[in-house]
Amino acid sequence: MARLKSEENLKDPATGKALPQGVLYRSPKQYRARKLVHGHRITRTFESARLARSWLEEASVKVREGRSVDDRVLDGIVLRTLIERYR
């Protein structure tokens, strides 16, 4: 069963306007943008709803153009390992 957003998280308290689809108000200066890409949810946190919305639009364009990159393979890799691979 999917969780529903509470009414208070549907509006931007800074402007009083409704938040765009995929953007959730978390706390002051914390807006979470969520997008489903290739079956995996990507999430980023921003200081404003405007920045979150623009990131969602940019992510959508990348997916349409086939430029989306799956960076989950980089999770847990230490910088030293990446440098050694590069050498």
PDB file of N, CA and C in Angstrom:
ATOM      1  N   MET A   1       0.842  -1.176   0.000  1.00  0.00           N
ATOM      2  CA  MET A   1       0.000   0.000   0.000  1.00  0.00           C
ATOM      3  C   MET A   1       0.893   1.248   0.000  1.00  0.00           C
ATOM      4  N   ALA A   2       0.647   2.153  -0.867  1.00  0.00           N
ATOM      5  CA  ALA A   2       1.445   3.371  -0.989  1.00  0.00           C
ATOM      6  C   ALA A   2       1.097   4.344   0.133  1.00  0.00           C
ATOM      7  N   ARG A   3       2.136   5.036   0.611  1.00  0.00           N
ATOM      8  CA  ARG A   3       1.908   6.054   1.625  1.00  0.00           C
ATOM      9  C   ARG A   3       1.459   7.342   0.957  1.00  0.00           C
ATOM     10  N   LEU A   4       0.534   8.016   1.573  1.00  0.00           N
ATOM     11  CA  LEU A   4       0.031   9.272   1.042  1.00  0.00           C
ATOM     12  C   LEU A   4       0.774  10.435   1.682  1.00  0.00           C
ATOM     13  N   LYS A   5       1.005  11.481   0.899  1.00  0.00           N
ATOM     14  CA  LYS A   5       1.618  12.686   1.440  1.00  0.00           C
ATOM     15  C   LYS A   5       0.604  13.407   2.313  1.00  0.00           C
ATOM     16  N   SER A   6       1.077  13.946   3.423  1.00  0.00           N
ATOM     17  CA  SER A   6       0.162  14.709   4.264  1.00  0.00           C
ATOM     18  C   SER A   6      -0.123  16.056   3.594  1.00  0.00           C
ATOM     19  N   GLU A   7      -1.231  16.636   3.946  1.00  0.00           N
ATOM     20  CA  GLU A   7      -1.647  17.910   3.343  1.00  0.00           C
ATOM     21  C   GLU A   7      -0.597  18.995   3.534  1.00  0.00           C
ATOM     22  N   GLU A   8       0.047  19.015   4.693  1.00  0.00           N
ATOM     23  CA  GLU A   8       1.024  20.076   4.962  1.00  0.00           C
ATOM     24  C   GLU A   8       2.262  19.950   4.085  1.00  0.00           C
ATOM     25  N   ASN A   9       2.565  18.761   3.586  1.00  0.00           N
ATOM     26  CA  ASN A   9       3.722  18.563   2.729  1.00  0.00           C
ATOM     27  C   ASN A   9       3.418  18.815   1.255  1.00  0.00           C
ATOM     28  N   LEU A  10       2.157  19.058   0.926  1.00  0.00           N
ATOM     29  CA  LEU A  10       1.773  19.303  -0.456  1.00  0.00           C
ATOM     30  C   LEU A  10       1.932  20.765  -0.857  1.00  0.00           C
ATOM     31  N   LYS A  11       2.051  21.655   0.116  1.00  0.00           N
ATOM     32  CA  LYS A  11       2.192  23.083  -0.170  1.00  0.00           C
ATOM     33  C   LYS A  11       3.544  23.590   0.290  1.00  0.00           C
ATOM     34  N   ASP A  12       4.075  24.535  -0.452  1.00  0.00           N
ATOM     35  CA  ASP A  12       5.330  25.177  -0.092  1.00  0.00           C
ATOM     36  C   ASP A  12       5.034  26.240   0.957  1.00  0.00           C
ATOM     37  N   PRO A  13       5.550  26.101   2.176  1.00  0.00           N
ATOM     38  CA  PRO A  13       5.247  27.095   3.205  1.00  0.00           C
ATOM     39  C   PRO A  13       5.831  28.472   2.896  1.00  0.00           C
ATOM     40  N   ALA A  14       6.864  28.521   2.072  1.00  0.00           N
ATOM     41  CA  ALA A  14       7.472  29.806   1.731  1.00  0.00           C
ATOM     42  C   ALA A  14       6.572  30.630   0.821  1.00  0.00           C
ATOM     43  N   THR A  15       5.860  29.962  -0.093  1.00  0.00           N
ATOM     44  CA  THR A  15       5.019  30.682  -1.049  1.00  0.00           C
ATOM     45  C   THR A  15       3.534  30.407  -0.883  1.00  0.00           C
ATOM     46  N   GLY A  16       3.193  29.300  -0.227  1.00  0.00           N
ATOM     47  CA  GLY A  16       1.790  28.929  -0.076  1.00  0.00           C
ATOM     48  C   GLY A  16       1.222  28.229  -1.298  1.00  0.00           C
ATOM     49  N   LYS A  17       2.038  28.029  -2.316  1.00  0.00           N
ATOM     50  CA  LYS A  17       1.594  27.380  -3.547  1.00  0.00           C
ATOM     51  C   LYS A  17       1.779  25.864  -3.447  1.00  0.00           C
ATOM     52  N   ALA A  18       1.037  25.149  -4.271  1.00  0.00           N
ATOM     53  CA  ALA A  18       1.169  23.695  -4.314  1.00  0.00           C
ATOM     54  C   ALA A  18       2.531  23.310  -4.888  1.00  0.00           C
ATOM     55  N   LEU A  19       3.114  22.256  -4.339  1.00  0.00           N
ATOM     56  CA  LEU A  19       4.400  21.767  -4.833  1.00  0.00           C
ATOM     57  C   LEU A  19       4.182  20.925  -6.082  1.00  0.00           C
ATOM     58  N   PRO A  20       5.146  20.926  -7.011  1.00  0.00           N
ATOM     59  CA  PRO A  20       5.012  20.110  -8.218  1.00  0.00           C
ATOM     60  C   PRO A  20       5.052  18.617  -7.883  1.00  0.00           C
ATOM     61  N   GLN A  21       4.543  17.803  -8.772  1.00  0.00           N
ATOM     62  CA  GLN A  21       4.571  16.353  -8.612  1.00  0.00           C
ATOM     63  C   GLN A  21       6.013  15.890  -8.463  1.00  0.00           C
ATOM     64  N   GLY A  22       6.309  15.089  -7.450  1.00  0.00           N
ATOM     65  CA  GLY A  22       7.655  14.575  -7.242  1.00  0.00           C
ATOM     66  C   GLY A  22       8.463  15.377  -6.252  1.00  0.00           C
ATOM     67  N   VAL A  23       7.943  16.502  -5.776  1.00  0.00           N
ATOM     68  CA  VAL A  23       8.655  17.338  -4.799  1.00  0.00           C
ATOM     69  C   VAL A  23       7.895  17.286  -3.484  1.00  0.00           C
ATOM     70  N   LEU A  24       8.623  17.086  -2.389  1.00  0.00           N
ATOM     71  CA  LEU A  24       8.037  16.966  -1.062  1.00  0.00           C
ATOM     72  C   LEU A  24       8.746  17.925  -0.112  1.00  0.00           C
ATOM     73  N   TYR A  25       7.971  18.674   0.667  1.00  0.00           N
ATOM     74  CA  TYR A  25       8.543  19.567   1.678  1.00  0.00           C
ATOM     75  C   TYR A  25       8.906  18.738   2.898  1.00  0.00           C
ATOM     76  N   ARG A  26      10.156  18.835   3.354  1.00  0.00           N
ATOM     77  CA  ARG A  26      10.601  18.068   4.514  1.00  0.00           C
ATOM     78  C   ARG A  26      10.704  18.942   5.750  1.00  0.00           C
ATOM     79  N   SER A  27      11.396  20.044   5.665  1.00  0.00           N
ATOM     80  CA  SER A  27      11.576  20.978   6.774  1.00  0.00           C
ATOM     81  C   SER A  27      12.104  22.274   6.167  1.00  0.00           C
ATOM     82  N   PRO A  28      12.316  23.318   6.969  1.00  0.00           N
ATOM     83  CA  PRO A  28      12.806  24.570   6.387  1.00  0.00           C
ATOM     84  C   PRO A  28      14.061  24.360   5.540  1.00  0.00           C
ATOM     85  N   LYS A  29      14.001  24.840   4.317  1.00  0.00           N
ATOM     86  CA  LYS A  29      15.090  24.746   3.334  1.00  0.00           C
ATOM     87  C   LYS A  29      15.464  23.315   2.987  1.00  0.00           C
ATOM     88  N   GLN A  30      14.487  22.397   3.058  1.00  0.00           N
ATOM     89  CA  GLN A  30      14.714  21.017   2.640  1.00  0.00           C
ATOM     90  C   GLN A  30      13.515  20.530   1.828  1.00  0.00           C
ATOM     91  N   TYR A  31      13.736  20.425   0.541  1.00  0.00           N
ATOM     92  CA  TYR A  31      12.726  19.928  -0.385  1.00  0.00           C
ATOM     93  C   TYR A  31      13.305  18.702  -1.072  1.00  0.00           C
ATOM     94  N   ARG A  32      12.599  17.590  -0.989  1.00  0.00           N
ATOM     95  CA  ARG A  32      13.088  16.352  -1.587  1.00  0.00           C
ATOM     96  C   ARG A  32      12.427  16.143  -2.937  1.00  0.00           C
ATOM     97  N   ALA A  33      13.261  15.907  -3.938  1.00  0.00           N
ATOM     98  CA  ALA A  33      12.777  15.592  -5.281  1.00  0.00           C
ATOM     99  C   ALA A  33      13.023  14.111  -5.521  1.00  0.00           C
ATOM    100  N   ARG A  34      11.992  13.418  -5.997  1.00  0.00           N
ATOM    101  CA  ARG A  34      12.104  11.984  -6.252  1.00  0.00           C
ATOM    102  C   ARG A  34      11.690  11.685  -7.678  1.00  0.00           C
ATOM    103  N   LYS A  35      12.444  10.791  -8.337  1.00  0.00           N
ATOM    104  CA  LYS A  35      12.174  10.431  -9.728  1.00  0.00           C
ATOM    105  C   LYS A  35      12.466   8.954  -9.903  1.00  0.00           C
ATOM    106  N   LEU A  36      11.621   8.276 -10.638  1.00  0.00           N
ATOM    107  CA  LEU A  36      11.820   6.868 -10.944  1.00  0.00           C
ATOM    108  C   LEU A  36      12.496   6.765 -12.301  1.00  0.00           C
ATOM    109  N   VAL A  37      13.713   6.175 -12.329  1.00  0.00           N
ATOM    110  CA  VAL A  37      14.483   6.047 -13.559  1.00  0.00           C
ATOM    111  C   VAL A  37      14.889   4.591 -13.715  1.00  0.00           C
ATOM    112  N   HIS A  38      14.462   3.979 -14.795  1.00  0.00           N
ATOM    113  CA  HIS A  38      14.796   2.587 -15.100  1.00  0.00           C
ATOM    114  C   HIS A  38      14.470   1.664 -13.928  1.00  0.00           C
ATOM    115  N   GLY A  39      13.361   1.896 -13.266  1.00  0.00           N
ATOM    116  CA  GLY A  39      12.927   1.041 -12.172  1.00  0.00           C
ATOM    117  C   GLY A  39      13.561   1.337 -10.829  1.00  0.00           C
ATOM    118  N   HIS A  40      14.423   2.338 -10.764  1.00  0.00           N
ATOM    119  CA  HIS A  40      15.085   2.701  -9.511  1.00  0.00           C
ATOM    120  C   HIS A  40      14.773   4.152  -9.173  1.00  0.00           C
ATOM    121  N   ARG A  41      14.469   4.393  -7.908  1.00  0.00           N
ATOM    122  CA  ARG A  41      14.135   5.741  -7.477  1.00  0.00           C
ATOM    123  C   ARG A  41      15.415   6.517  -7.153  1.00  0.00           C
ATOM    124  N   ILE A  42      15.538   7.703  -7.754  1.00  0.00           N
ATOM    125  CA  ILE A  42      16.641   8.594  -7.414  1.00  0.00           C
ATOM    126  C   ILE A  42      16.066   9.764  -6.630  1.00  0.00           C
ATOM    127  N   THR A  43      16.780  10.176  -5.604  1.00  0.00           N
ATOM    128  CA  THR A  43      16.306  11.208  -4.695  1.00  0.00           C
ATOM    129  C   THR A  43      17.407  12.216  -4.451  1.00  0.00           C
ATOM    130  N   ARG A  44      17.046  13.478  -4.452  1.00  0.00           N
ATOM    131  CA  ARG A  44      17.975  14.552  -4.120  1.00  0.00           C
ATOM    132  C   ARG A  44      17.254  15.545  -3.222  1.00  0.00           C
ATOM    133  N   THR A  45      17.992  16.234  -2.359  1.00  0.00           N
ATOM    134  CA  THR A  45      17.417  17.237  -1.472  1.00  0.00           C
ATOM    135  C   THR A  45      17.955  18.605  -1.868  1.00  0.00           C
ATOM    136  N   PHE A  46      17.070  19.603  -1.881  1.00  0.00           N
ATOM    137  CA  PHE A  46      17.427  20.953  -2.313  1.00  0.00           C
ATOM    138  C   PHE A  46      16.948  21.976  -1.293  1.00  0.00           C
ATOM    139  N   GLU A  47      17.478  23.197  -1.401  1.00  0.00           N
ATOM    140  CA  GLU A  47      17.108  24.277  -0.492  1.00  0.00           C
ATOM    141  C   GLU A  47      15.789  24.934  -0.860  1.00  0.00           C
ATOM    142  N   SER A  48      15.353  24.791  -2.094  1.00  0.00           N
ATOM    143  CA  SER A  48      14.094  25.417  -2.502  1.00  0.00           C
ATOM    144  C   SER A  48      13.328  24.490  -3.437  1.00  0.00           C
ATOM    145  N   ALA A  49      12.029  24.720  -3.489  1.00  0.00           N
ATOM    146  CA  ALA A  49      11.173  23.932  -4.374  1.00  0.00           C
ATOM    147  C   ALA A  49      11.517  24.219  -5.832  1.00  0.00           C
ATOM    148  N   ARG A  50      11.926  25.433  -6.125  1.00  0.00           N
ATOM    149  CA  ARG A  50      12.287  25.801  -7.496  1.00  0.00           C
ATOM    150  C   ARG A  50      13.490  24.981  -7.978  1.00  0.00           C
ATOM    151  N   LEU A  51      14.505  24.832  -7.120  1.00  0.00           N
ATOM    152  CA  LEU A  51      15.677  24.038  -7.485  1.00  0.00           C
ATOM    153  C   LEU A  51      15.316  22.566  -7.654  1.00  0.00           C
ATOM    154  N   ALA A  52      14.444  22.068  -6.787  1.00  0.00           N
ATOM    155  CA  ALA A  52      14.012  20.670  -6.886  1.00  0.00           C
ATOM    156  C   ALA A  52      13.253  20.440  -8.187  1.00  0.00           C
ATOM    157  N   ARG A  53      12.365  21.360  -8.545  1.00  0.00           N
ATOM    158  CA  ARG A  53      11.597  21.224  -9.788  1.00  0.00           C
ATOM    159  C   ARG A  53      12.514  21.263 -11.008  1.00  0.00           C
ATOM    160  N   SER A  54      13.497  22.154 -11.003  1.00  0.00           N
ATOM    161  CA  SER A  54      14.393  22.233 -12.161  1.00  0.00           C
ATOM    162  C   SER A  54      15.245  20.972 -12.286  1.00  0.00           C
ATOM    163  N   TRP A  55      15.631  20.373 -11.155  1.00  0.00           N
ATOM    164  CA  TRP A  55      16.384  19.121 -11.206  1.00  0.00           C
ATOM    165  C   TRP A  55      15.515  18.009 -11.788  1.00  0.00           C
ATOM    166  N   LEU A  56      14.253  17.965 -11.386  1.00  0.00           N
ATOM    167  CA  LEU A  56      13.340  16.955 -11.933  1.00  0.00           C
ATOM    168  C   LEU A  56      13.192  17.109 -13.445  1.00  0.00           C
ATOM    169  N   GLU A  57      13.067  18.348 -13.910  1.00  0.00           N
ATOM    170  CA  GLU A  57      12.948  18.585 -15.349  1.00  0.00           C
ATOM    171  C   GLU A  57      14.221  18.164 -16.073  1.00  0.00           C
ATOM    172  N   GLU A  58      15.372  18.487 -15.497  1.00  0.00           N
ATOM    173  CA  GLU A  58      16.651  18.112 -16.106  1.00  0.00           C
ATOM    174  C   GLU A  58      16.811  16.591 -16.143  1.00  0.00           C
ATOM    175  N   ALA A  59      16.423  15.917 -15.057  1.00  0.00           N
ATOM    176  CA  ALA A  59      16.504  14.454 -15.009  1.00  0.00           C
ATOM    177  C   ALA A  59      15.585  13.833 -16.062  1.00  0.00           C
ATOM    178  N   SER A  60      14.409  14.407 -16.250  1.00  0.00           N
ATOM    179  CA  SER A  60      13.472  13.898 -17.257  1.00  0.00           C
ATOM    180  C   SER A  60      14.045  14.030 -18.663  1.00  0.00           C
ATOM    181  N   VAL A  61      14.678  15.151 -18.939  1.00  0.00           N
ATOM    182  CA  VAL A  61      15.291  15.366 -20.254  1.00  0.00           C
ATOM    183  C   VAL A  61      16.409  14.354 -20.483  1.00  0.00           C
ATOM    184  N   LYS A  62      17.240  14.126 -19.468  1.00  0.00           N
ATOM    185  CA  LYS A  62      18.338  13.159 -19.605  1.00  0.00           C
ATOM    186  C   LYS A  62      17.811  11.763 -19.889  1.00  0.00           C
ATOM    187  N   VAL A  63      16.739  11.370 -19.232  1.00  0.00           N
ATOM    188  CA  VAL A  63      16.164  10.045 -19.449  1.00  0.00           C
ATOM    189  C   VAL A  63      15.621   9.941 -20.869  1.00  0.00           C
ATOM    190  N   ARG A  64      14.909  10.972 -21.325  1.00  0.00           N
ATOM    191  CA  ARG A  64      14.366  10.956 -22.694  1.00  0.00           C
ATOM    192  C   ARG A  64      15.468  10.873 -23.741  1.00  0.00           C
ATOM    193  N   GLU A  65      16.586  11.557 -23.490  1.00  0.00           N
ATOM    194  CA  GLU A  65      17.686  11.573 -24.450  1.00  0.00           C
ATOM    195  C   GLU A  65      18.622  10.381 -24.294  1.00  0.00           C
ATOM    196  N   GLY A  66      18.393   9.552 -23.269  1.00  0.00           N
ATOM    197  CA  GLY A  66      19.251   8.391 -23.053  1.00  0.00           C
ATOM    198  C   GLY A  66      20.575   8.737 -22.409  1.00  0.00           C
ATOM    199  N   ARG A  67      20.653   9.880 -21.743  1.00  0.00           N
ATOM    200  CA  ARG A  67      21.904  10.306 -21.114  1.00  0.00           C
ATOM    201  C   ARG A  67      21.924  10.043 -19.615  1.00  0.00           C
ATOM    202  N   SER A  68      20.918   9.346 -19.093  1.00  0.00           N
ATOM    203  CA  SER A  68      20.904   9.094 -17.652  1.00  0.00           C
ATOM    204  C   SER A  68      21.966   8.050 -17.320  1.00  0.00           C
ATOM    205  N   VAL A  69      22.696   8.289 -16.261  1.00  0.00           N
ATOM    206  CA  VAL A  69      23.789   7.418 -15.859  1.00  0.00           C
ATOM    207  C   VAL A  69      23.440   6.779 -14.526  1.00  0.00           C
ATOM    208  N   ASP A  70      23.621   5.478 -14.433  1.00  0.00           N
ATOM    209  CA  ASP A  70      23.367   4.762 -13.191  1.00  0.00           C
ATOM    210  C   ASP A  70      24.621   4.842 -12.340  1.00  0.00           C
ATOM    211  N   ASP A  71      24.607   5.695 -11.313  1.00  0.00           N
ATOM    212  CA  ASP A  71      25.792   5.885 -10.487  1.00  0.00           C
ATOM    213  C   ASP A  71      25.773   5.035  -9.214  1.00  0.00           C
ATOM    214  N   ARG A  72      24.837   4.089  -9.116  1.00  0.00           N
ATOM    215  CA  ARG A  72      24.784   3.223  -7.935  1.00  0.00           C
ATOM    216  C   ARG A  72      26.014   2.333  -7.837  1.00  0.00           C
ATOM    217  N   VAL A  73      26.672   2.033  -8.965  1.00  0.00           N
ATOM    218  CA  VAL A  73      27.868   1.200  -8.922  1.00  0.00           C
ATOM    219  C   VAL A  73      28.997   1.906  -8.184  1.00  0.00           C
ATOM    220  N   LEU A  74      28.930   3.229  -8.068  1.00  0.00           N
ATOM    221  CA  LEU A  74      29.973   3.987  -7.384  1.00  0.00           C
ATOM    222  C   LEU A  74      29.763   4.058  -5.877  1.00  0.00           C
ATOM    223  N   ASP A  75      28.588   3.646  -5.401  1.00  0.00           N
ATOM    224  CA  ASP A  75      28.328   3.663  -3.964  1.00  0.00           C
ATOM    225  C   ASP A  75      29.277   2.704  -3.260  1.00  0.00           C
ATOM    226  N   GLY A  76      29.936   3.189  -2.245  1.00  0.00           N
ATOM    227  CA  GLY A  76      30.821   2.344  -1.442  1.00  0.00           C
ATOM    228  C   GLY A  76      32.226   2.220  -1.984  1.00  0.00           C
ATOM    229  N   ILE A  77      32.525   2.808  -3.121  1.00  0.00           N
ATOM    230  CA  ILE A  77      33.880   2.739  -3.659  1.00  0.00           C
ATOM    231  C   ILE A  77      34.694   3.897  -3.085  1.00  0.00           C
ATOM    232  N   VAL A  78      35.866   3.566  -2.586  1.00  0.00           N
ATOM    233  CA  VAL A  78      36.747   4.561  -1.989  1.00  0.00           C
ATOM    234  C   VAL A  78      37.502   5.292  -3.099  1.00  0.00           C
ATOM    235  N   LEU A  79      37.782   6.581  -2.870  1.00  0.00           N
ATOM    236  CA  LEU A  79      38.479   7.391  -3.873  1.00  0.00           C
ATOM    237  C   LEU A  79      39.800   6.745  -4.284  1.00  0.00           C
ATOM    238  N   ARG A  80      40.498   6.156  -3.337  1.00  0.00           N
ATOM    239  CA  ARG A  80      41.779   5.514  -3.632  1.00  0.00           C
ATOM    240  C   ARG A  80      41.608   4.407  -4.680  1.00  0.00           C
ATOM    241  N   THR A  81      40.531   3.660  -4.566  1.00  0.00           N
ATOM    242  CA  THR A  81      40.263   2.570  -5.528  1.00  0.00           C
ATOM    243  C   THR A  81      40.039   3.148  -6.911  1.00  0.00           C
ATOM    244  N   LEU A  82      39.298   4.247  -6.996  1.00  0.00           N
ATOM    245  CA  LEU A  82      39.055   4.867  -8.298  1.00  0.00           C
ATOM    246  C   LEU A  82      40.350   5.384  -8.916  1.00  0.00           C
ATOM    247  N   ILE A  83      41.225   5.975  -8.107  1.00  0.00           N
ATOM    248  CA  ILE A  83      42.508   6.475  -8.611  1.00  0.00           C
ATOM    249  C   ILE A  83      43.365   5.324  -9.098  1.00  0.00           C
ATOM    250  N   GLU A  84      43.381   4.227  -8.366  1.00  0.00           N
ATOM    251  CA  GLU A  84      44.166   3.055  -8.785  1.00  0.00           C
ATOM    252  C   GLU A  84      43.617   2.485 -10.084  1.00  0.00           C
ATOM    253  N   ARG A  85      42.305   2.467 -10.257  1.00  0.00           N
ATOM    254  CA  ARG A  85      41.718   1.990 -11.510  1.00  0.00           C
ATOM    255  C   ARG A  85      42.115   2.890 -12.665  1.00  0.00           C
ATOM    256  N   TYR A  86      42.145   4.190 -12.409  1.00  0.00           N
ATOM    257  CA  TYR A  86      42.480   5.149 -13.465  1.00  0.00           C
ATOM    258  C   TYR A  86      43.917   4.965 -13.938  1.00  0.00           C
ATOM    259  N   ARG A  87      44.818   4.717 -12.989  1.00  0.00           N
ATOM    260  CA  ARG A  87      46.229   4.533 -13.356  1.00  0.00           C
ATOM    261  C   ARG A  87      46.374   3.321 -14.234  1.00  0.00           C
TER     262      ARG A  87
END
